[in-house]
Amino acid sequence: MKRHKHGFIDRVAREYRQEKRSEARHGIIPPWRFVDIPEQERKGKSARELDELRQDKYVAEMERQAQMRSIARQKNNDRLLARLRKAQTASRAVKVDDHRATEEVADDERK
């Protein structure tokens, strides 16, 4: 079993990440905390600005996925719908504080 440079065992680190993701799914941690921001965009920004940037990227991704799902539904493309559902499973159960993303996901779930 490989070890991290900090002494954690990979399995322990993986379980920790899974636990954090499940907490995010249940609304304990906002899901946009898991959005990666490239190093170039991160430089010189405060924690609040970074959080807002993560939130914007998360909302944009949710809107993009909602748009893709509606296009797939219009075209009756089952394969694309299945792939989108698979990608959406984790974020579908997430309760988001940002109403724009919640409404987009909720509207698509009802259809």
PDB file of N, CA and C in Angstrom:
ATOM      1  N   MET A   1       0.841  -1.178   0.000  1.00  0.00           N
ATOM      2  CA  MET A   1       0.000   0.000   0.000  1.00  0.00           C
ATOM      3  C   MET A   1       0.891   1.248   0.000  1.00  0.00           C
ATOM      4  N   LYS A   2       0.595   2.166  -0.909  1.00  0.00           N
ATOM      5  CA  LYS A   2       1.421   3.369  -1.015  1.00  0.00           C
ATOM      6  C   LYS A   2       1.113   4.338   0.121  1.00  0.00           C
ATOM      7  N   ARG A   3       2.108   5.094   0.471  1.00  0.00           N
ATOM      8  CA  ARG A   3       1.919   6.093   1.513  1.00  0.00           C
ATOM      9  C   ARG A   3       2.053   7.486   0.920  1.00  0.00           C
ATOM     10  N   HIS A   4       1.291   8.419   1.467  1.00  0.00           N
ATOM     11  CA  HIS A   4       1.433   9.813   1.073  1.00  0.00           C
ATOM     12  C   HIS A   4       2.647  10.389   1.767  1.00  0.00           C
ATOM     13  N   LYS A   5       3.116  11.518   1.286  1.00  0.00           N
ATOM     14  CA  LYS A   5       4.281  12.139   1.902  1.00  0.00           C
ATOM     15  C   LYS A   5       3.999  12.568   3.339  1.00  0.00           C
ATOM     16  N   HIS A   6       2.708  12.721   3.681  1.00  0.00           N
ATOM     17  CA  HIS A   6       2.368  13.122   5.045  1.00  0.00           C
ATOM     18  C   HIS A   6       2.130  11.924   5.956  1.00  0.00           C
ATOM     19  N   GLY A   7       2.303  10.706   5.432  1.00  0.00           N
ATOM     20  CA  GLY A   7       2.172   9.530   6.260  1.00  0.00           C
ATOM     21  C   GLY A   7       0.799   8.866   6.203  1.00  0.00           C
ATOM     22  N   PHE A   8      -0.148   9.440   5.458  1.00  0.00           N
ATOM     23  CA  PHE A   8      -1.457   8.809   5.340  1.00  0.00           C
ATOM     24  C   PHE A   8      -1.366   7.614   4.410  1.00  0.00           C
ATOM     25  N   ILE A   9      -2.141   6.633   4.679  1.00  0.00           N
ATOM     26  CA  ILE A   9      -2.248   5.512   3.759  1.00  0.00           C
ATOM     27  C   ILE A   9      -3.302   5.886   2.724  1.00  0.00           C
ATOM     28  N   ASP A  10      -3.078   5.496   1.461  1.00  0.00           N
ATOM     29  CA  ASP A  10      -3.991   5.847   0.375  1.00  0.00           C
ATOM     30  C   ASP A  10      -5.444   5.508   0.699  1.00  0.00           C
ATOM     31  N   ARG A  11      -5.644   4.335   1.249  1.00  0.00           N
ATOM     32  CA  ARG A  11      -7.009   3.888   1.533  1.00  0.00           C
ATOM     33  C   ARG A  11      -7.693   4.830   2.517  1.00  0.00           C
ATOM     34  N   VAL A  12      -6.967   5.264   3.522  1.00  0.00           N
ATOM     35  CA  VAL A  12      -7.521   6.174   4.525  1.00  0.00           C
ATOM     36  C   VAL A  12      -7.874   7.509   3.875  1.00  0.00           C
ATOM     37  N   ALA A  13      -6.987   7.997   3.025  1.00  0.00           N
ATOM     38  CA  ALA A  13      -7.240   9.261   2.339  1.00  0.00           C
ATOM     39  C   ALA A  13      -8.455   9.134   1.418  1.00  0.00           C
ATOM     40  N   ARG A  14      -8.571   7.989   0.733  1.00  0.00           N
ATOM     41  CA  ARG A  14      -9.709   7.773  -0.160  1.00  0.00           C
ATOM     42  C   ARG A  14     -11.016   7.743   0.634  1.00  0.00           C
ATOM     43  N   GLU A  15     -11.005   7.046   1.761  1.00  0.00           N
ATOM     44  CA  GLU A  15     -12.210   6.992   2.606  1.00  0.00           C
ATOM     45  C   GLU A  15     -12.581   8.374   3.118  1.00  0.00           C
ATOM     46  N   TYR A  16     -11.573   9.176   3.460  1.00  0.00           N
ATOM     47  CA  TYR A  16     -11.826  10.533   3.935  1.00  0.00           C
ATOM     48  C   TYR A  16     -12.494  11.364   2.847  1.00  0.00           C
ATOM     49  N   ARG A  17     -11.963  11.270   1.606  1.00  0.00           N
ATOM     50  CA  ARG A  17     -12.559  12.018   0.493  1.00  0.00           C
ATOM     51  C   ARG A  17     -13.986  11.566   0.231  1.00  0.00           C
ATOM     52  N   GLN A  18     -14.227  10.254   0.287  1.00  0.00           N
ATOM     53  CA  GLN A  18     -15.584   9.748   0.074  1.00  0.00           C
ATOM     54  C   GLN A  18     -16.529  10.257   1.155  1.00  0.00           C
ATOM     55  N   GLU A  19     -16.048  10.293   2.383  1.00  0.00           N
ATOM     56  CA  GLU A  19     -16.866  10.789   3.488  1.00  0.00           C
ATOM     57  C   GLU A  19     -17.207  12.267   3.278  1.00  0.00           C
ATOM     58  N   LYS A  20     -16.216  13.053   2.843  1.00  0.00           N
ATOM     59  CA  LYS A  20     -16.459  14.469   2.596  1.00  0.00           C
ATOM     60  C   LYS A  20     -17.457  14.657   1.459  1.00  0.00           C
ATOM     61  N   ARG A  21     -17.343  13.832   0.415  1.00  0.00           N
ATOM     62  CA  ARG A  21     -18.290  13.932  -0.695  1.00  0.00           C
ATOM     63  C   ARG A  21     -19.695  13.581  -0.242  1.00  0.00           C
ATOM     64  N   SER A  22     -19.817  12.580   0.610  1.00  0.00           N
ATOM     65  CA  SER A  22     -21.158  12.216   1.079  1.00  0.00           C
ATOM     66  C   SER A  22     -21.720  13.326   1.966  1.00  0.00           C
ATOM     67  N   GLU A  23     -20.852  13.987   2.736  1.00  0.00           N
ATOM     68  CA  GLU A  23     -21.315  15.130   3.520  1.00  0.00           C
ATOM     69  C   GLU A  23     -21.804  16.234   2.596  1.00  0.00           C
ATOM     70  N   ALA A  24     -21.119  16.421   1.483  1.00  0.00           N
ATOM     71  CA  ALA A  24     -21.531  17.446   0.516  1.00  0.00           C
ATOM     72  C   ALA A  24     -22.879  17.085  -0.083  1.00  0.00           C
ATOM     73  N   ARG A  25     -23.082  15.788  -0.348  1.00  0.00           N
ATOM     74  CA  ARG A  25     -24.362  15.362  -0.918  1.00  0.00           C
ATOM     75  C   ARG A  25     -25.516  15.666   0.019  1.00  0.00           C
ATOM     76  N   HIS A  26     -25.263  15.624   1.310  1.00  0.00           N
ATOM     77  CA  HIS A  26     -26.337  15.845   2.281  1.00  0.00           C
ATOM     78  C   HIS A  26     -26.398  17.289   2.764  1.00  0.00           C
ATOM     79  N   GLY A  27     -25.712  18.174   2.075  1.00  0.00           N
ATOM     80  CA  GLY A  27     -25.828  19.590   2.356  1.00  0.00           C
ATOM     81  C   GLY A  27     -24.996  20.096   3.514  1.00  0.00           C
ATOM     82  N   ILE A  28     -24.085  19.265   4.031  1.00  0.00           N
ATOM     83  CA  ILE A  28     -23.256  19.697   5.152  1.00  0.00           C
ATOM     84  C   ILE A  28     -22.136  20.610   4.651  1.00  0.00           C
ATOM     85  N   ILE A  29     -21.525  20.227   3.529  1.00  0.00           N
ATOM     86  CA  ILE A  29     -20.472  21.031   2.908  1.00  0.00           C
ATOM     87  C   ILE A  29     -21.004  21.496   1.559  1.00  0.00           C
ATOM     88  N   PRO A  30     -20.872  22.759   1.218  1.00  0.00           N
ATOM     89  CA  PRO A  30     -21.339  23.205  -0.106  1.00  0.00           C
ATOM     90  C   PRO A  30     -20.582  22.449  -1.203  1.00  0.00           C
ATOM     91  N   PRO A  31     -21.274  21.966  -2.212  1.00  0.00           N
ATOM     92  CA  PRO A  31     -20.628  21.136  -3.236  1.00  0.00           C
ATOM     93  C   PRO A  31     -19.594  21.868  -4.080  1.00  0.00           C
ATOM     94  N   TRP A  32     -19.664  23.190  -4.147  1.00  0.00           N
ATOM     95  CA  TRP A  32     -18.692  23.907  -4.979  1.00  0.00           C
ATOM     96  C   TRP A  32     -17.319  23.928  -4.334  1.00  0.00           C
ATOM     97  N   ARG A  33     -17.197  23.489  -3.102  1.00  0.00           N
ATOM     98  CA  ARG A  33     -15.878  23.418  -2.470  1.00  0.00           C
ATOM     99  C   ARG A  33     -14.965  22.427  -3.181  1.00  0.00           C
ATOM    100  N   PHE A  34     -15.540  21.510  -3.966  1.00  0.00           N
ATOM    101  CA  PHE A  34     -14.747  20.502  -4.657  1.00  0.00           C
ATOM    102  C   PHE A  34     -14.347  20.936  -6.058  1.00  0.00           C
ATOM    103  N   VAL A  35     -14.723  22.155  -6.459  1.00  0.00           N
ATOM    104  CA  VAL A  35     -14.375  22.653  -7.795  1.00  0.00           C
ATOM    105  C   VAL A  35     -12.905  23.065  -7.789  1.00  0.00           C
ATOM    106  N   ASP A  36     -12.171  22.569  -8.777  1.00  0.00           N
ATOM    107  CA  ASP A  36     -10.755  22.906  -8.882  1.00  0.00           C
ATOM    108  C   ASP A  36     -10.588  24.213  -9.645  1.00  0.00           C
ATOM    109  N   ILE A  37      -9.683  25.032  -9.145  1.00  0.00           N
ATOM    110  CA  ILE A  37      -9.365  26.295  -9.813  1.00  0.00           C
ATOM    111  C   ILE A  37      -7.886  26.237 -10.195  1.00  0.00           C
ATOM    112  N   PRO A  38      -7.569  26.507 -11.473  1.00  0.00           N
ATOM    113  CA  PRO A  38      -6.170  26.478 -11.898  1.00  0.00           C
ATOM    114  C   PRO A  38      -5.307  27.475 -11.103  1.00  0.00           C
ATOM    115  N   GLU A  39      -4.052  27.158 -10.986  1.00  0.00           N
ATOM    116  CA  GLU A  39      -3.110  27.976 -10.209  1.00  0.00           C
ATOM    117  C   GLU A  39      -3.075  29.421 -10.703  1.00  0.00           C
ATOM    118  N   GLN A  40      -3.178  29.622 -12.030  1.00  0.00           N
ATOM    119  CA  GLN A  40      -3.100  30.975 -12.585  1.00  0.00           C
ATOM    120  C   GLN A  40      -4.265  31.835 -12.106  1.00  0.00           C
ATOM    121  N   GLU A  41      -5.443  31.242 -12.012  1.00  0.00           N
ATOM    122  CA  GLU A  41      -6.617  32.005 -11.563  1.00  0.00           C
ATOM    123  C   GLU A  41      -6.602  32.237 -10.053  1.00  0.00           C
ATOM    124  N   ARG A  42      -5.886  31.377  -9.329  1.00  0.00           N
ATOM    125  CA  ARG A  42      -5.873  31.452  -7.874  1.00  0.00           C
ATOM    126  C   ARG A  42      -4.988  32.561  -7.331  1.00  0.00           C
ATOM    127  N   LYS A  43      -3.957  32.923  -8.088  1.00  0.00           N
ATOM    128  CA  LYS A  43      -2.944  33.859  -7.591  1.00  0.00           C
ATOM    129  C   LYS A  43      -3.533  35.211  -7.234  1.00  0.00           C
ATOM    130  N   GLY A  44      -3.193  35.703  -6.048  1.00  0.00           N
ATOM    131  CA  GLY A  44      -3.548  37.049  -5.633  1.00  0.00           C
ATOM    132  C   GLY A  44      -5.001  37.257  -5.256  1.00  0.00           C
ATOM    133  N   LYS A  45      -5.724  36.182  -4.972  1.00  0.00           N
ATOM    134  CA  LYS A  45      -7.129  36.334  -4.608  1.00  0.00           C
ATOM    135  C   LYS A  45      -7.343  35.911  -3.160  1.00  0.00           C
ATOM    136  N   SER A  46      -8.317  36.570  -2.531  1.00  0.00           N
ATOM    137  CA  SER A  46      -8.617  36.229  -1.143  1.00  0.00           C
ATOM    138  C   SER A  46      -9.461  34.958  -1.105  1.00  0.00           C
ATOM    139  N   ALA A  47      -9.642  34.418   0.080  1.00  0.00           N
ATOM    140  CA  ALA A  47     -10.425  33.192   0.255  1.00  0.00           C
ATOM    141  C   ALA A  47     -11.874  33.412  -0.182  1.00  0.00           C
ATOM    142  N   ARG A  48     -12.410  34.576   0.120  1.00  0.00           N
ATOM    143  CA  ARG A  48     -13.801  34.882  -0.256  1.00  0.00           C
ATOM    144  C   ARG A  48     -13.956  34.943  -1.781  1.00  0.00           C
ATOM    145  N   GLU A  49     -12.983  35.603  -2.444  1.00  0.00           N
ATOM    146  CA  GLU A  49     -13.033  35.680  -3.913  1.00  0.00           C
ATOM    147  C   GLU A  49     -12.929  34.296  -4.542  1.00  0.00           C
ATOM    148  N   LEU A  50     -12.052  33.455  -3.970  1.00  0.00           N
ATOM    149  CA  LEU A  50     -11.909  32.092  -4.478  1.00  0.00           C
ATOM    150  C   LEU A  50     -13.206  31.304  -4.300  1.00  0.00           C
ATOM    151  N   ASP A  51     -13.854  31.476  -3.148  1.00  0.00           N
ATOM    152  CA  ASP A  51     -15.108  30.769  -2.893  1.00  0.00           C
ATOM    153  C   ASP A  51     -16.187  31.210  -3.886  1.00  0.00           C
ATOM    154  N   GLU A  52     -16.251  32.519  -4.156  1.00  0.00           N
ATOM    155  CA  GLU A  52     -17.224  33.028  -5.129  1.00  0.00           C
ATOM    156  C   GLU A  52     -16.927  32.495  -6.530  1.00  0.00           C
ATOM    157  N   LEU A  53     -15.637  32.420  -6.880  1.00  0.00           N
ATOM    158  CA  LEU A  53     -15.245  31.881  -8.183  1.00  0.00           C
ATOM    159  C   LEU A  53     -15.640  30.408  -8.294  1.00  0.00           C
ATOM    160  N   ARG A  54     -15.382  29.637  -7.223  1.00  0.00           N
ATOM    161  CA  ARG A  54     -15.784  28.225  -7.208  1.00  0.00           C
ATOM    162  C   ARG A  54     -17.292  28.089  -7.378  1.00  0.00           C
ATOM    163  N   GLN A  55     -18.033  28.941  -6.667  1.00  0.00           N
ATOM    164  CA  GLN A  55     -19.495  28.906  -6.728  1.00  0.00           C
ATOM    165  C   GLN A  55     -19.979  29.201  -8.155  1.00  0.00           C
ATOM    166  N   ASP A  56     -19.402  30.220  -8.783  1.00  0.00           N
ATOM    167  CA  ASP A  56     -19.785  30.571 -10.155  1.00  0.00           C
ATOM    168  C   ASP A  56     -19.496  29.432 -11.126  1.00  0.00           C
ATOM    169  N   LYS A  57     -18.319  28.803 -10.960  1.00  0.00           N
ATOM    170  CA  LYS A  57     -17.966  27.689 -11.839  1.00  0.00           C
ATOM    171  C   LYS A  57     -18.922  26.515 -11.629  1.00  0.00           C
ATOM    172  N   TYR A  58     -19.280  26.263 -10.380  1.00  0.00           N
ATOM    173  CA  TYR A  58     -20.202  25.165 -10.073  1.00  0.00           C
ATOM    174  C   TYR A  58     -21.569  25.423 -10.708  1.00  0.00           C
ATOM    175  N   VAL A  59     -22.073  26.636 -10.562  1.00  0.00           N
ATOM    176  CA  VAL A  59     -23.382  26.988 -11.127  1.00  0.00           C
ATOM    177  C   VAL A  59     -23.335  26.886 -12.653  1.00  0.00           C
ATOM    178  N   ALA A  60     -22.249  27.369 -13.252  1.00  0.00           N
ATOM    179  CA  ALA A  60     -22.111  27.287 -14.708  1.00  0.00           C
ATOM    180  C   ALA A  60     -22.109  25.828 -15.163  1.00  0.00           C
ATOM    181  N   GLU A  61     -21.424  24.965 -14.426  1.00  0.00           N
ATOM    182  CA  GLU A  61     -21.388  23.538 -14.777  1.00  0.00           C
ATOM    183  C   GLU A  61     -22.766  22.896 -14.636  1.00  0.00           C
ATOM    184  N   MET A  62     -23.489  23.252 -13.570  1.00  0.00           N
ATOM    185  CA  MET A  62     -24.844  22.712 -13.383  1.00  0.00           C
ATOM    186  C   MET A  62     -25.772  23.171 -14.523  1.00  0.00           C
ATOM    187  N   GLU A  63     -25.634  24.437 -14.909  1.00  0.00           N
ATOM    188  CA  GLU A  63     -26.453  24.953 -16.013  1.00  0.00           C
ATOM    189  C   GLU A  63     -26.091  24.268 -17.326  1.00  0.00           C
ATOM    190  N   ARG A  64     -24.792  24.019 -17.537  1.00  0.00           N
ATOM    191  CA  ARG A  64     -24.350  23.335 -18.755  1.00  0.00           C
ATOM    192  C   ARG A  64     -24.911  21.923 -18.803  1.00  0.00           C
ATOM    193  N   GLN A  65     -24.849  21.225 -17.674  1.00  0.00           N
ATOM    194  CA  GLN A  65     -25.382  19.859 -17.635  1.00  0.00           C
ATOM    195  C   GLN A  65     -26.892  19.852 -17.847  1.00  0.00           C
ATOM    196  N   ALA A  66     -27.577  20.832 -17.282  1.00  0.00           N
ATOM    197  CA  ALA A  66     -29.032  20.914 -17.467  1.00  0.00           C
ATOM    198  C   ALA A  66     -29.356  21.155 -18.940  1.00  0.00           C
ATOM    199  N   GLN A  67     -28.585  22.017 -19.584  1.00  0.00           N
ATOM    200  CA  GLN A  67     -28.796  22.298 -20.998  1.00  0.00           C
ATOM    201  C   GLN A  67     -28.524  21.052 -21.843  1.00  0.00           C
ATOM    202  N   MET A  68     -27.461  20.332 -21.514  1.00  0.00           N
ATOM    203  CA  MET A  68     -27.134  19.107 -22.243  1.00  0.00           C
ATOM    204  C   MET A  68     -28.251  18.073 -22.084  1.00  0.00           C
ATOM    205  N   ARG A  69     -28.795  17.961 -20.869  1.00  0.00           N
ATOM    206  CA  ARG A  69     -29.882  17.001 -20.641  1.00  0.00           C
ATOM    207  C   ARG A  69     -31.110  17.377 -21.456  1.00  0.00           C
ATOM    208  N   SER A  70     -31.436  18.665 -21.519  1.00  0.00           N
ATOM    209  CA  SER A  70     -32.621  19.069 -22.282  1.00  0.00           C
ATOM    210  C   SER A  70     -32.414  18.817 -23.773  1.00  0.00           C
ATOM    211  N   ILE A  71     -31.209  19.050 -24.280  1.00  0.00           N
ATOM    212  CA  ILE A  71     -30.917  18.765 -25.688  1.00  0.00           C
ATOM    213  C   ILE A  71     -31.036  17.269 -25.952  1.00  0.00           C
ATOM    214  N   ALA A  72     -30.491  16.467 -25.034  1.00  0.00           N
ATOM    215  CA  ALA A  72     -30.560  15.012 -25.200  1.00  0.00           C
ATOM    216  C   ALA A  72     -32.010  14.543 -25.185  1.00  0.00           C
ATOM    217  N   ARG A  73     -32.828  15.145 -24.345  1.00  0.00           N
ATOM    218  CA  ARG A  73     -34.251  14.769 -24.289  1.00  0.00           C
ATOM    219  C   ARG A  73     -34.961  15.125 -25.587  1.00  0.00           C
ATOM    220  N   GLN A  74     -34.649  16.311 -26.104  1.00  0.00           N
ATOM    221  CA  GLN A  74     -35.280  16.746 -27.361  1.00  0.00           C
ATOM    222  C   GLN A  74     -34.924  15.805 -28.509  1.00  0.00           C
ATOM    223  N   LYS A  75     -33.678  15.356 -28.519  1.00  0.00           N
ATOM    224  CA  LYS A  75     -33.228  14.477 -29.598  1.00  0.00           C
ATOM    225  C   LYS A  75     -33.531  13.011 -29.299  1.00  0.00           C
ATOM    226  N   ASN A  76     -34.048  12.739 -28.111  1.00  0.00           N
ATOM    227  CA  ASN A  76     -34.331  11.367 -27.686  1.00  0.00           C
ATOM    228  C   ASN A  76     -33.068  10.512 -27.713  1.00  0.00           C
ATOM    229  N   ASN A  77     -31.977  11.077 -27.285  1.00  0.00           N
ATOM    230  CA  ASN A  77     -30.694  10.389 -27.313  1.00  0.00           C
ATOM    231  C   ASN A  77     -30.485   9.664 -25.985  1.00  0.00           C
ATOM    232  N   ASP A  78     -30.812   8.390 -25.949  1.00  0.00           N
ATOM    233  CA  ASP A  78     -30.747   7.607 -24.707  1.00  0.00           C
ATOM    234  C   ASP A  78     -29.325   7.431 -24.202  1.00  0.00           C
ATOM    235  N   ARG A  79     -28.390   7.250 -25.112  1.00  0.00           N
ATOM    236  CA  ARG A  79     -27.006   7.026 -24.693  1.00  0.00           C
ATOM    237  C   ARG A  79     -26.439   8.259 -23.999  1.00  0.00           C
ATOM    238  N   LEU A  80     -26.689   9.437 -24.581  1.00  0.00           N
ATOM    239  CA  LEU A  80     -26.214  10.686 -23.973  1.00  0.00           C
ATOM    240  C   LEU A  80     -26.908  10.929 -22.638  1.00  0.00           C
ATOM    241  N   LEU A  81     -28.212  10.650 -22.579  1.00  0.00           N
ATOM    242  CA  LEU A  81     -28.946  10.824 -21.319  1.00  0.00           C
ATOM    243  C   LEU A  81     -28.368   9.929 -20.233  1.00  0.00           C
ATOM    244  N   ALA A  82     -28.071   8.683 -20.579  1.00  0.00           N
ATOM    245  CA  ALA A  82     -27.504   7.747 -19.596  1.00  0.00           C
ATOM    246  C   ALA A  82     -26.150   8.240 -19.095  1.00  0.00           C
ATOM    247  N   ARG A  83     -25.333   8.744 -20.027  1.00  0.00           N
ATOM    248  CA  ARG A  83     -24.016   9.246 -19.622  1.00  0.00           C
ATOM    249  C   ARG A  83     -24.145  10.466 -18.719  1.00  0.00           C
ATOM    250  N   LEU A  84     -25.090  11.352 -19.046  1.00  0.00           N
ATOM    251  CA  LEU A  84     -25.297  12.543 -18.224  1.00  0.00           C
ATOM    252  C   LEU A  84     -25.832  12.167 -16.848  1.00  0.00           C
ATOM    253  N   ARG A  85     -26.737  11.203 -16.802  1.00  0.00           N
ATOM    254  CA  ARG A  85     -27.272  10.758 -15.508  1.00  0.00           C
ATOM    255  C   ARG A  85     -26.173  10.197 -14.630  1.00  0.00           C
ATOM    256  N   LYS A  86     -25.280   9.426 -15.270  1.00  0.00           N
ATOM    257  CA  LYS A  86     -24.178   8.826 -14.530  1.00  0.00           C
ATOM    258  C   LYS A  86     -23.275   9.916 -13.942  1.00  0.00           C
ATOM    259  N   ALA A  87     -23.005  10.957 -14.737  1.00  0.00           N
ATOM    260  CA  ALA A  87     -22.162  12.064 -14.275  1.00  0.00           C
ATOM    261  C   ALA A  87     -22.878  12.898 -13.219  1.00  0.00           C
ATOM    262  N   GLN A  88     -24.198  12.862 -13.237  1.00  0.00           N
ATOM    263  CA  GLN A  88     -24.998  13.719 -12.367  1.00  0.00           C
ATOM    264  C   GLN A  88     -25.338  13.065 -11.030  1.00  0.00           C
ATOM    265  N   THR A  89     -25.149  11.731 -10.909  1.00  0.00           N
ATOM    266  CA  THR A  89     -25.626  11.040  -9.715  1.00  0.00           C
ATOM    267  C   THR A  89     -25.151  11.670  -8.421  1.00  0.00           C
ATOM    268  N   ALA A  90     -23.889  12.039  -8.371  1.00  0.00           N
ATOM    269  CA  ALA A  90     -23.364  12.614  -7.134  1.00  0.00           C
ATOM    270  C   ALA A  90     -23.974  13.976  -6.858  1.00  0.00           C
ATOM    271  N   SER A  91     -24.060  14.820  -7.881  1.00  0.00           N
ATOM    272  CA  SER A  91     -24.525  16.178  -7.637  1.00  0.00           C
ATOM    273  C   SER A  91     -26.048  16.279  -7.617  1.00  0.00           C
ATOM    274  N   ARG A  92     -26.747  15.228  -8.028  1.00  0.00           N
ATOM    275  CA  ARG A  92     -28.204  15.294  -8.043  1.00  0.00           C
ATOM    276  C   ARG A  92     -28.752  15.369  -6.614  1.00  0.00           C
ATOM    277  N   ALA A  93     -28.110  14.644  -5.689  1.00  0.00           N
ATOM    278  CA  ALA A  93     -28.602  14.604  -4.321  1.00  0.00           C
ATOM    279  C   ALA A  93     -28.128  15.802  -3.496  1.00  0.00           C
ATOM    280  N   VAL A  94     -27.277  16.603  -4.075  1.00  0.00           N
ATOM    281  CA  VAL A  94     -26.698  17.732  -3.339  1.00  0.00           C
ATOM    282  C   VAL A  94     -27.728  18.850  -3.177  1.00  0.00           C
ATOM    283  N   LYS A  95     -27.828  19.347  -1.962  1.00  0.00           N
ATOM    284  CA  LYS A  95     -28.681  20.508  -1.725  1.00  0.00           C
ATOM    285  C   LYS A  95     -27.799  21.739  -1.845  1.00  0.00           C
ATOM    286  N   VAL A  96     -28.129  22.592  -2.787  1.00  0.00           N
ATOM    287  CA  VAL A  96     -27.297  23.755  -3.063  1.00  0.00           C
ATOM    288  C   VAL A  96     -27.979  24.996  -2.502  1.00  0.00           C
ATOM    289  N   ASP A  97     -27.190  25.848  -1.870  1.00  0.00           N
ATOM    290  CA  ASP A  97     -27.749  27.084  -1.337  1.00  0.00           C
ATOM    291  C   ASP A  97     -28.092  28.064  -2.452  1.00  0.00           C
ATOM    292  N   ASP A  98     -27.338  27.993  -3.533  1.00  0.00           N
ATOM    293  CA  ASP A  98     -27.562  28.910  -4.640  1.00  0.00           C
ATOM    294  C   ASP A  98     -28.829  28.488  -5.389  1.00  0.00           C
ATOM    295  N   HIS A  99     -29.839  29.335  -5.380  1.00  0.00           N
ATOM    296  CA  HIS A  99     -31.149  28.951  -5.915  1.00  0.00           C
ATOM    297  C   HIS A  99     -31.136  28.725  -7.413  1.00  0.00           C
ATOM    298  N   ARG A 100     -30.259  29.440  -8.121  1.00  0.00           N
ATOM    299  CA  ARG A 100     -30.215  29.256  -9.581  1.00  0.00           C
ATOM    300  C   ARG A 100     -29.902  27.802  -9.919  1.00  0.00           C
ATOM    301  N   ALA A 101     -28.864  27.250  -9.293  1.00  0.00           N
ATOM    302  CA  ALA A 101     -28.477  25.870  -9.585  1.00  0.00           C
ATOM    303  C   ALA A 101     -29.555  24.898  -9.108  1.00  0.00           C
ATOM    304  N   THR A 102     -30.126  25.160  -7.944  1.00  0.00           N
ATOM    305  CA  THR A 102     -31.154  24.275  -7.398  1.00  0.00           C
ATOM    306  C   THR A 102     -32.353  24.219  -8.333  1.00  0.00           C
ATOM    307  N   GLU A 103     -32.773  25.383  -8.829  1.00  0.00           N
ATOM    308  CA  GLU A 103     -33.934  25.418  -9.717  1.00  0.00           C
ATOM    309  C   GLU A 103     -33.642  24.688 -11.022  1.00  0.00           C
ATOM    310  N   GLU A 104     -32.435  24.877 -11.572  1.00  0.00           N
ATOM    311  CA  GLU A 104     -32.089  24.210 -12.831  1.00  0.00           C
ATOM    312  C   GLU A 104     -32.138  22.698 -12.657  1.00  0.00           C
ATOM    313  N   VAL A 105     -31.504  22.200 -11.602  1.00  0.00           N
ATOM    314  CA  VAL A 105     -31.458  20.759 -11.371  1.00  0.00           C
ATOM    315  C   VAL A 105     -32.855  20.232 -11.048  1.00  0.00           C
ATOM    316  N   ALA A 106     -33.595  20.963 -10.230  1.00  0.00           N
ATOM    317  CA  ALA A 106     -34.939  20.525  -9.850  1.00  0.00           C
ATOM    318  C   ALA A 106     -35.868  20.482 -11.058  1.00  0.00           C
ATOM    319  N   ASP A 107     -35.772  21.472 -11.951  1.00  0.00           N
ATOM    320  CA  ASP A 107     -36.606  21.480 -13.156  1.00  0.00           C
ATOM    321  C   ASP A 107     -36.304  20.273 -14.033  1.00  0.00           C
ATOM    322  N   ASP A 108     -35.022  19.945 -14.163  1.00  0.00           N
ATOM    323  CA  ASP A 108     -34.655  18.801 -14.993  1.00  0.00           C
ATOM    324  C   ASP A 108     -35.086  17.486 -14.363  1.00  0.00           C
ATOM    325  N   GLU A 109     -35.042  17.419 -13.046  1.00  0.00           N
ATOM    326  CA  GLU A 109     -35.447  16.194 -12.362  1.00  0.00           C
ATOM    327  C   GLU A 109     -36.940  15.935 -12.558  1.00  0.00           C
ATOM    328  N   ARG A 110     -37.737  16.985 -12.603  1.00  0.00           N
ATOM    329  CA  ARG A 110     -39.188  16.818 -12.748  1.00  0.00           C
ATOM    330  C   ARG A 110     -39.578  16.345 -14.140  1.00  0.00           C
ATOM    331  N   LYS A 111     -38.772  16.706 -15.148  1.00  0.00           N
ATOM    332  CA  LYS A 111     -39.133  16.387 -16.543  1.00  0.00           C
ATOM    333  C   LYS A 111     -38.973  14.912 -16.847  1.00  0.00           C
TER     334      LYS A 111
END
